[in-house]
C-alpha atoms as a PDB file:
ATOM      1  CA  MET A   1      88.714 111.218  73.861  1.00  0.00           C
ATOM      2  CA  LYS A   2      91.997 112.497  74.645  1.00  0.00           C
ATOM      3  CA  PRO A   3      95.012 110.262  72.598  1.00  0.00           C
ATOM      4  CA  ALA A   4      96.565 109.275  76.204  1.00  0.00           C
ATOM      5  CA  ALA A   5      92.640 108.041  77.259  1.00  0.00           C
ATOM      6  CA  ARG A   6      92.367 106.137  73.979  1.00  0.00           C
ATOM      7  CA  PHE A   7      96.111 104.321  74.343  1.00  0.00           C
ATOM      8  CA  ILE A   8      95.508 103.429  77.354  1.00  0.00           C
ATOM      9  CA  LEU A   9      91.758 101.819  76.763  1.00  0.00           C
ATOM     10  CA  ARG A  10      93.446  99.792  74.016  1.00  0.00           C
ATOM     11  CA  ALA A  11      96.368  98.815  76.305  1.00  0.00           C
ATOM     12  CA  ALA A  12      93.448  97.463  79.013  1.00  0.00           C
ATOM     13  CA  ALA A  13      91.817  95.470  76.202  1.00  0.00           C
ATOM     14  CA  ILE A  14      95.118  94.010  75.162  1.00  0.00           C
ATOM     15  CA  ARG A  15      95.489  92.426  79.051  1.00  0.00           C
ATOM     16  CA  ILE A  16      98.020  94.127  80.583  1.00  0.00           C
ATOM     17  CA  PRO A  17      98.964  92.573  83.569  1.00  0.00           C
ATOM     18  CA  HIS A  18      97.448  95.117  86.748  1.00  0.00           C
ATOM     19  CA  LYS A  19     100.429  95.838  88.092  1.00  0.00           C
ATOM     20  CA  LEU A  20     101.745  97.142  84.621  1.00  0.00           C
ATOM     21  CA  ARG A  21      98.786  99.198  83.695  1.00  0.00           C
ATOM     22  CA  ILE A  22      99.093 102.826  83.153  1.00  0.00           C
ATOM     23  CA  TYR A  23      95.787 104.672  84.665  1.00  0.00           C
ATOM     24  CA  ASP A  24      94.493 108.009  83.019  1.00  0.00           C
ATOM     25  CA  LEU A  25      94.788 110.832  84.984  1.00  0.00           C
ATOM     26  CA  ASN A  26      91.671 111.724  84.038  1.00  0.00           C
ATOM     27  CA  ARG A  27      89.564 108.304  84.828  1.00  0.00           C
ATOM     28  CA  LEU A  28      87.523 110.196  87.889  1.00  0.00           C
ATOM     29  CA  PRO A  29      84.462 112.244  86.101  1.00  0.00           C
ATOM     30  CA  ALA A  30      84.763 116.124  86.376  1.00  0.00           C
ATOM     31  CA  ASP A  31      82.682 116.476  89.196  1.00  0.00           C
ATOM     32  CA  LYS A  32      84.353 114.647  91.786  1.00  0.00           C
ATOM     33  CA  LYS A  33      82.268 116.028  94.830  1.00  0.00           C
ATOM     34  CA  GLN A  34      78.469 113.991  93.077  1.00  0.00           C
ATOM     35  CA  TRP A  35      80.429 111.184  92.087  1.00  0.00           C
ATOM     36  CA  TYR A  36      81.939 110.512  95.403  1.00  0.00           C
ATOM     37  CA  THR A  37      78.181 111.119  96.960  1.00  0.00           C
ATOM     38  CA  GLU A  38      76.713 108.672  94.655  1.00  0.00           C
ATOM     39  CA  GLN A  39      79.303 106.066  95.276  1.00  0.00           C
ATOM     40  CA  ILE A  40      78.657 106.457  98.980  1.00  0.00           C
ATOM     41  CA  LEU A  41      75.093 106.364  98.834  1.00  0.00           C
ATOM     42  CA  ALA A  42      75.274 103.044  97.293  1.00  0.00           C
ATOM     43  CA  CYS A  43      77.635 101.256 100.099  1.00  0.00           C
ATOM     44  CA  GLN A  44      76.684 103.299 103.021  1.00  0.00           C
ATOM     45  CA  SER A  45      74.963 100.606 104.825  1.00  0.00           C
ATOM     46  CA  GLY A  46      78.100  98.293 104.284  1.00  0.00           C
ATOM     47  CA  LEU A  47      80.286 100.393 105.522  1.00  0.00           C
ATOM     48  CA  TYR A  48      78.604 101.211 108.644  1.00  0.00           C
ATOM     49  CA  ARG A  49      78.129  97.414 109.481  1.00  0.00           C
ATOM     50  CA  LEU A  50      81.232  96.868 108.784  1.00  0.00           C
ATOM     51  CA  ALA A  51      82.375  99.684 111.696  1.00  0.00           C
ATOM     52  CA  ALA A  52      79.744  98.485 114.127  1.00  0.00           C
ATOM     53  CA  GLY A  53      81.025  94.720 113.801  1.00  0.00           C
ATOM     54  CA  ILE A  54      84.555  95.965 114.406  1.00  0.00           C
ATOM     55  CA  LEU A  55      84.250  98.513 117.230  1.00  0.00           C
ATOM     56  CA  LYS A  56      80.957  97.358 118.711  1.00  0.00           C
ATOM     57  CA  ASN A  57      79.705 100.609 119.615  1.00  0.00           C
ATOM     58  CA  GLU A  58      77.264 102.911 117.788  1.00  0.00           C
ATOM     59  CA  GLN A  59      78.901 106.100 118.238  1.00  0.00           C
ATOM     60  CA  ASP A  60      82.195 104.810 117.601  1.00  0.00           C
ATOM     61  CA  ALA A  61      81.059 103.197 114.353  1.00  0.00           C
ATOM     62  CA  CYS A  62      79.568 106.601 113.487  1.00  0.00           C
ATOM     63  CA  ASP A  63      83.111 108.278 114.364  1.00  0.00           C
ATOM     64  CA  ALA A  64      84.900 105.821 112.330  1.00  0.00           C
ATOM     65  CA  LEU A  65      82.621 106.290 109.311  1.00  0.00           C
ATOM     66  CA  GLN A  66      82.887 109.852 109.504  1.00  0.00           C
ATOM     67  CA  ASP A  67      86.877 109.804 109.433  1.00  0.00           C
ATOM     68  CA  ALA A  68      86.739 107.100 106.594  1.00  0.00           C
ATOM     69  CA  LEU A  69      84.611 109.258 104.507  1.00  0.00           C
ATOM     70  CA  CYS A  70      86.842 112.497 104.852  1.00  0.00           C
ATOM     71  CA  THR A  71      90.172 109.969 104.363  1.00  0.00           C
ATOM     72  CA  GLY A  72      88.230 109.011 101.421  1.00  0.00           C
ATOM     73  CA  TYR A  73      87.227 112.014  99.858  1.00  0.00           C
ATOM     74  CA  GLU A  74      90.838 113.340 100.631  1.00  0.00           C
ATOM     75  CA  LYS A  75      92.581 110.595  98.908  1.00  0.00           C
ATOM     76  CA  LEU A  76      90.124 109.892  96.282  1.00  0.00           C
ATOM     77  CA  ASP A  77      92.865 111.256  93.412  1.00  0.00           C
ATOM     78  CA  SER A  78      95.000 108.039  94.911  1.00  0.00           C
ATOM     79  CA  LEU A  79      92.128 105.654  93.633  1.00  0.00           C
ATOM     80  CA  LYS A  80      93.404 103.755  90.921  1.00  0.00           C
ATOM     81  CA  ASP A  81      90.165 102.048  89.416  1.00  0.00           C
ATOM     82  CA  PRO A  82      86.915 103.901  89.858  1.00  0.00           C
ATOM     83  CA  SER A  83      85.452 100.447  89.825  1.00  0.00           C
ATOM     84  CA  ARG A  84      87.220  99.348  93.092  1.00  0.00           C
ATOM     85  CA  PHE A  85      85.619 102.061  94.698  1.00  0.00           C
ATOM     86  CA  ARG A  86      83.767  99.708  97.392  1.00  0.00           C
ATOM     87  CA  PRO A  87      86.814  97.807  98.486  1.00  0.00           C
ATOM     88  CA  TRP A  88      88.727 100.725  98.439  1.00  0.00           C
ATOM     89  CA  MET A  89      86.294 102.556 100.639  1.00  0.00           C
ATOM     90  CA  MET A  90      86.440  99.357 102.868  1.00  0.00           C
ATOM     91  CA  LYS A  91      90.141  99.345 103.620  1.00  0.00           C
ATOM     92  CA  ILE A  92      89.458 102.923 104.635  1.00  0.00           C
ATOM     93  CA  THR A  93      86.750 102.365 106.771  1.00  0.00           C
ATOM     94  CA  VAL A  94      88.624  98.897 108.541  1.00  0.00           C
ATOM     95  CA  ASN A  95      91.857 101.243 109.243  1.00  0.00           C
ATOM     96  CA  ALA A  96      89.764 104.416 110.350  1.00  0.00           C
ATOM     97  CA  ALA A  97      88.185 101.678 113.183  1.00  0.00           C
ATOM     98  CA  TYR A  98      91.187 100.008 114.140  1.00  0.00           C
ATOM     99  CA  ASP A  99      92.611 103.619 114.647  1.00  0.00           C
ATOM    100  CA  ILE A 100      89.356 104.582 117.022  1.00  0.00           C
ATOM    101  CA  LEU A 101      90.261 100.653 118.777  1.00  0.00           C
ATOM    102  CA  ARG A 102      94.185 101.843 119.195  1.00  0.00           C
ATOM    103  CA  GLN A 103      92.874 104.726 120.896  1.00  0.00           C
ATOM    104  CA  LYS A 104      90.743 103.656 123.023  1.00  0.00           C
ATOM    105  CA  LYS A 105      93.362 101.456 124.248  1.00  0.00           C
ATOM    106  CA  VAL A 106      93.089 101.633 128.519  1.00  0.00           C
ATOM    107  CA  PHE A 107      95.675 100.067 130.768  1.00  0.00           C
ATOM    108  CA  VAL A 108      94.732  99.089 134.193  1.00  0.00           C
ATOM    109  CA  ASN A 109      96.919  98.565 137.055  1.00  0.00           C
ATOM    110  CA  LEU A 110      95.290  95.188 138.365  1.00  0.00           C
ATOM    111  CA  ASP A 111      96.963  95.837 142.107  1.00  0.00           C
ATOM    112  CA  ASP A 112      94.433  98.844 142.053  1.00  0.00           C
ATOM    113  CA  ILE A 113      91.766  96.401 142.023  1.00  0.00           C
ATOM    114  CA  GLU A 114      90.426  94.486 144.895  1.00  0.00           C
ATOM    115  CA  ASP A 115      87.536  92.017 143.538  1.00  0.00           C
ATOM    116  CA  ILE A 116      87.696  91.367 139.956  1.00  0.00           C
ATOM    117  CA  PRO A 117      85.181  89.626 138.714  1.00  0.00           C
ATOM    118  CA  GLN A 118      85.730  86.344 136.998  1.00  0.00           C
ATOM    119  CA  GLU A 119      84.720  86.544 133.050  1.00  0.00           C
ATOM    120  CA  LYS A 120      82.292  84.168 131.590  1.00  0.00           C
ATOM    121  CA  THR A 121      84.204  82.009 129.262  1.00  0.00           C
ATOM    122  CA  HIS A 122      81.156  80.575 127.361  1.00  0.00           C
ATOM    123  CA  VAL A 123      77.622  81.126 126.771  1.00  0.00           C
ATOM    124  CA  SER A 124      75.457  78.645 128.891  1.00  0.00           C
ATOM    125  CA  GLU A 125      72.637  76.582 127.669  1.00  0.00           C
ATOM    126  CA  THR A 126      69.834  78.847 129.065  1.00  0.00           C
ATOM    127  CA  ASP A 127      71.217  82.255 127.582  1.00  0.00           C
ATOM    128  CA  SER A 128      69.567  82.741 124.073  1.00  0.00           C
ATOM    129  CA  LEU A 129      72.315  84.116 121.361  1.00  0.00           C
ATOM    130  CA  SER A 130      71.447  85.685 118.668  1.00  0.00           C
ATOM    131  CA  LEU A 131      73.573  85.261 115.189  1.00  0.00           C
ATOM    132  CA  LYS A 132      74.108  89.079 115.408  1.00  0.00           C
ATOM    133  CA  GLU A 133      75.413  88.680 119.316  1.00  0.00           C
ATOM    134  CA  ALA A 134      77.541  85.525 118.412  1.00  0.00           C
ATOM    135  CA  VAL A 135      79.426  87.175 115.711  1.00  0.00           C
ATOM    136  CA  ALA A 136      80.117  90.170 118.163  1.00  0.00           C
ATOM    137  CA  SER A 137      81.594  87.682 120.503  1.00  0.00           C
ATOM    138  CA  LEU A 138      84.444  86.961 118.042  1.00  0.00           C
ATOM    139  CA  PRO A 139      87.616  88.052 118.024  1.00  0.00           C
ATOM    140  CA  ARG A 140      88.082  90.950 116.315  1.00  0.00           C
ATOM    141  CA  ALA A 141      90.450  89.238 113.071  1.00  0.00           C
ATOM    142  CA  TYR A 142      87.551  86.447 112.735  1.00  0.00           C
ATOM    143  CA  ARG A 143      84.659  88.870 113.488  1.00  0.00           C
ATOM    144  CA  THR A 144      86.187  91.256 110.628  1.00  0.00           C
ATOM    145  CA  VAL A 145      86.342  88.269 107.998  1.00  0.00           C
ATOM    146  CA  VAL A 146      82.875  86.935 108.802  1.00  0.00           C
ATOM    147  CA  ILE A 147      81.066  90.404 108.092  1.00  0.00           C
ATOM    148  CA  LEU A 148      83.048  91.079 105.090  1.00  0.00           C
ATOM    149  CA  PHE A 149      82.391  87.542 103.869  1.00  0.00           C
ATOM    150  CA  TYR A 150      78.864  86.926 105.234  1.00  0.00           C
ATOM    151  CA  TYR A 151      77.244  90.280 105.529  1.00  0.00           C
ATOM    152  CA  GLU A 152      78.956  92.634 102.700  1.00  0.00           C
ATOM    153  CA  ASP A 153      79.212  89.370  99.863  1.00  0.00           C
ATOM    154  CA  LEU A 154      83.071  89.887  99.299  1.00  0.00           C
ATOM    155  CA  SER A 155      85.422  87.343  98.020  1.00  0.00           C
ATOM    156  CA  VAL A 156      88.342  85.893  99.960  1.00  0.00           C
ATOM    157  CA  ARG A 157      90.409  88.215  97.682  1.00  0.00           C
ATOM    158  CA  GLN A 158      88.628  91.031  98.132  1.00  0.00           C
ATOM    159  CA  ILE A 159      88.746  90.419 101.463  1.00  0.00           C
ATOM    160  CA  SER A 160      92.549  89.668 101.614  1.00  0.00           C
ATOM    161  CA  GLU A 161      92.862  93.455  99.784  1.00  0.00           C
ATOM    162  CA  ILE A 162      90.712  95.109 102.375  1.00  0.00           C
ATOM    163  CA  THR A 163      92.703  93.836 105.457  1.00  0.00           C
ATOM    164  CA  GLY A 164      95.815  93.433 104.176  1.00  0.00           C
ATOM    165  CA  VAL A 165      96.538  89.785 105.157  1.00  0.00           C
ATOM    166  CA  PRO A 166      97.014  86.764 102.752  1.00  0.00           C
ATOM    167  CA  SER A 167      93.899  85.091 101.094  1.00  0.00           C
ATOM    168  CA  GLY A 168      95.105  81.844 103.023  1.00  0.00           C
ATOM    169  CA  LEU A 169      94.923  83.450 105.972  1.00  0.00           C
ATOM    170  CA  VAL A 170      91.515  84.825 105.302  1.00  0.00           C
ATOM    171  CA  ARG A 171      90.371  81.411 104.902  1.00  0.00           C
ATOM    172  CA  THR A 172      91.417  80.252 107.669  1.00  0.00           C
ATOM    173  CA  ARG A 173      89.866  82.928 109.446  1.00  0.00           C
ATOM    174  CA  LEU A 174      86.506  82.003 108.257  1.00  0.00           C
ATOM    175  CA  SER A 175      86.892  78.349 108.931  1.00  0.00           C
ATOM    176  CA  ARG A 176      87.968  78.826 112.906  1.00  0.00           C
ATOM    177  CA  ALA A 177      85.135  81.421 112.857  1.00  0.00           C
ATOM    178  CA  ARG A 178      82.419  78.770 111.871  1.00  0.00           C
ATOM    179  CA  GLN A 179      83.831  76.486 114.280  1.00  0.00           C
ATOM    180  CA  MET A 180      83.471  79.256 116.727  1.00  0.00           C
ATOM    181  CA  LEU A 181      79.878  79.793 115.863  1.00  0.00           C
ATOM    182  CA  ARG A 182      79.438  76.370 115.833  1.00  0.00           C
ATOM    183  CA  ARG A 183      80.467  75.834 119.429  1.00  0.00           C
ATOM    184  CA  LEU A 184      78.746  78.747 120.480  1.00  0.00           C
ATOM    185  CA  TRP A 185      75.471  78.041 119.125  1.00  0.00           C
ATOM    186  CA  ASN A 186      75.013  74.401 119.804  1.00  0.00           C
ATOM    187  CA  GLU A 187      75.923  75.345 123.525  1.00  0.00           C
END
């Protein structure tokens, strides 16, 4: 073991605050490609579910996931702690999905449309609504935290890191999403 690596291991045992830790430049295995592939295989279904939940489209989710995988591999050297690979990769996937949403924004002049159908504002009692459809009907911010919390079993703190919003806001969004789901489910 290199002297720098031994120093870092000793420093980590002393409980240095996270922001002050010095990470070893050789922290990733020598065969980065193999290690990256193994890590992706371990979390690929969660990454796909996350992208599909945000984008609501299988093709777009596949595109976002492909972009995220390429970006993750390119930026692998910026991963400071290999044990945090999954949340780091989820953050990249969320950003890739949002990039696709931004690219797909379409602006339509309402004066050009003659008959605008009225939007369905709530689910009628005769409609059957699965939980998956109910979650998909949530606004994007609420849908993202619900998918990360319930489907991916991430903590509020981890969701906060991935989405870049304060943990209090994550809790609020989870609470409001639960209320919305209850209303949809009871109607």
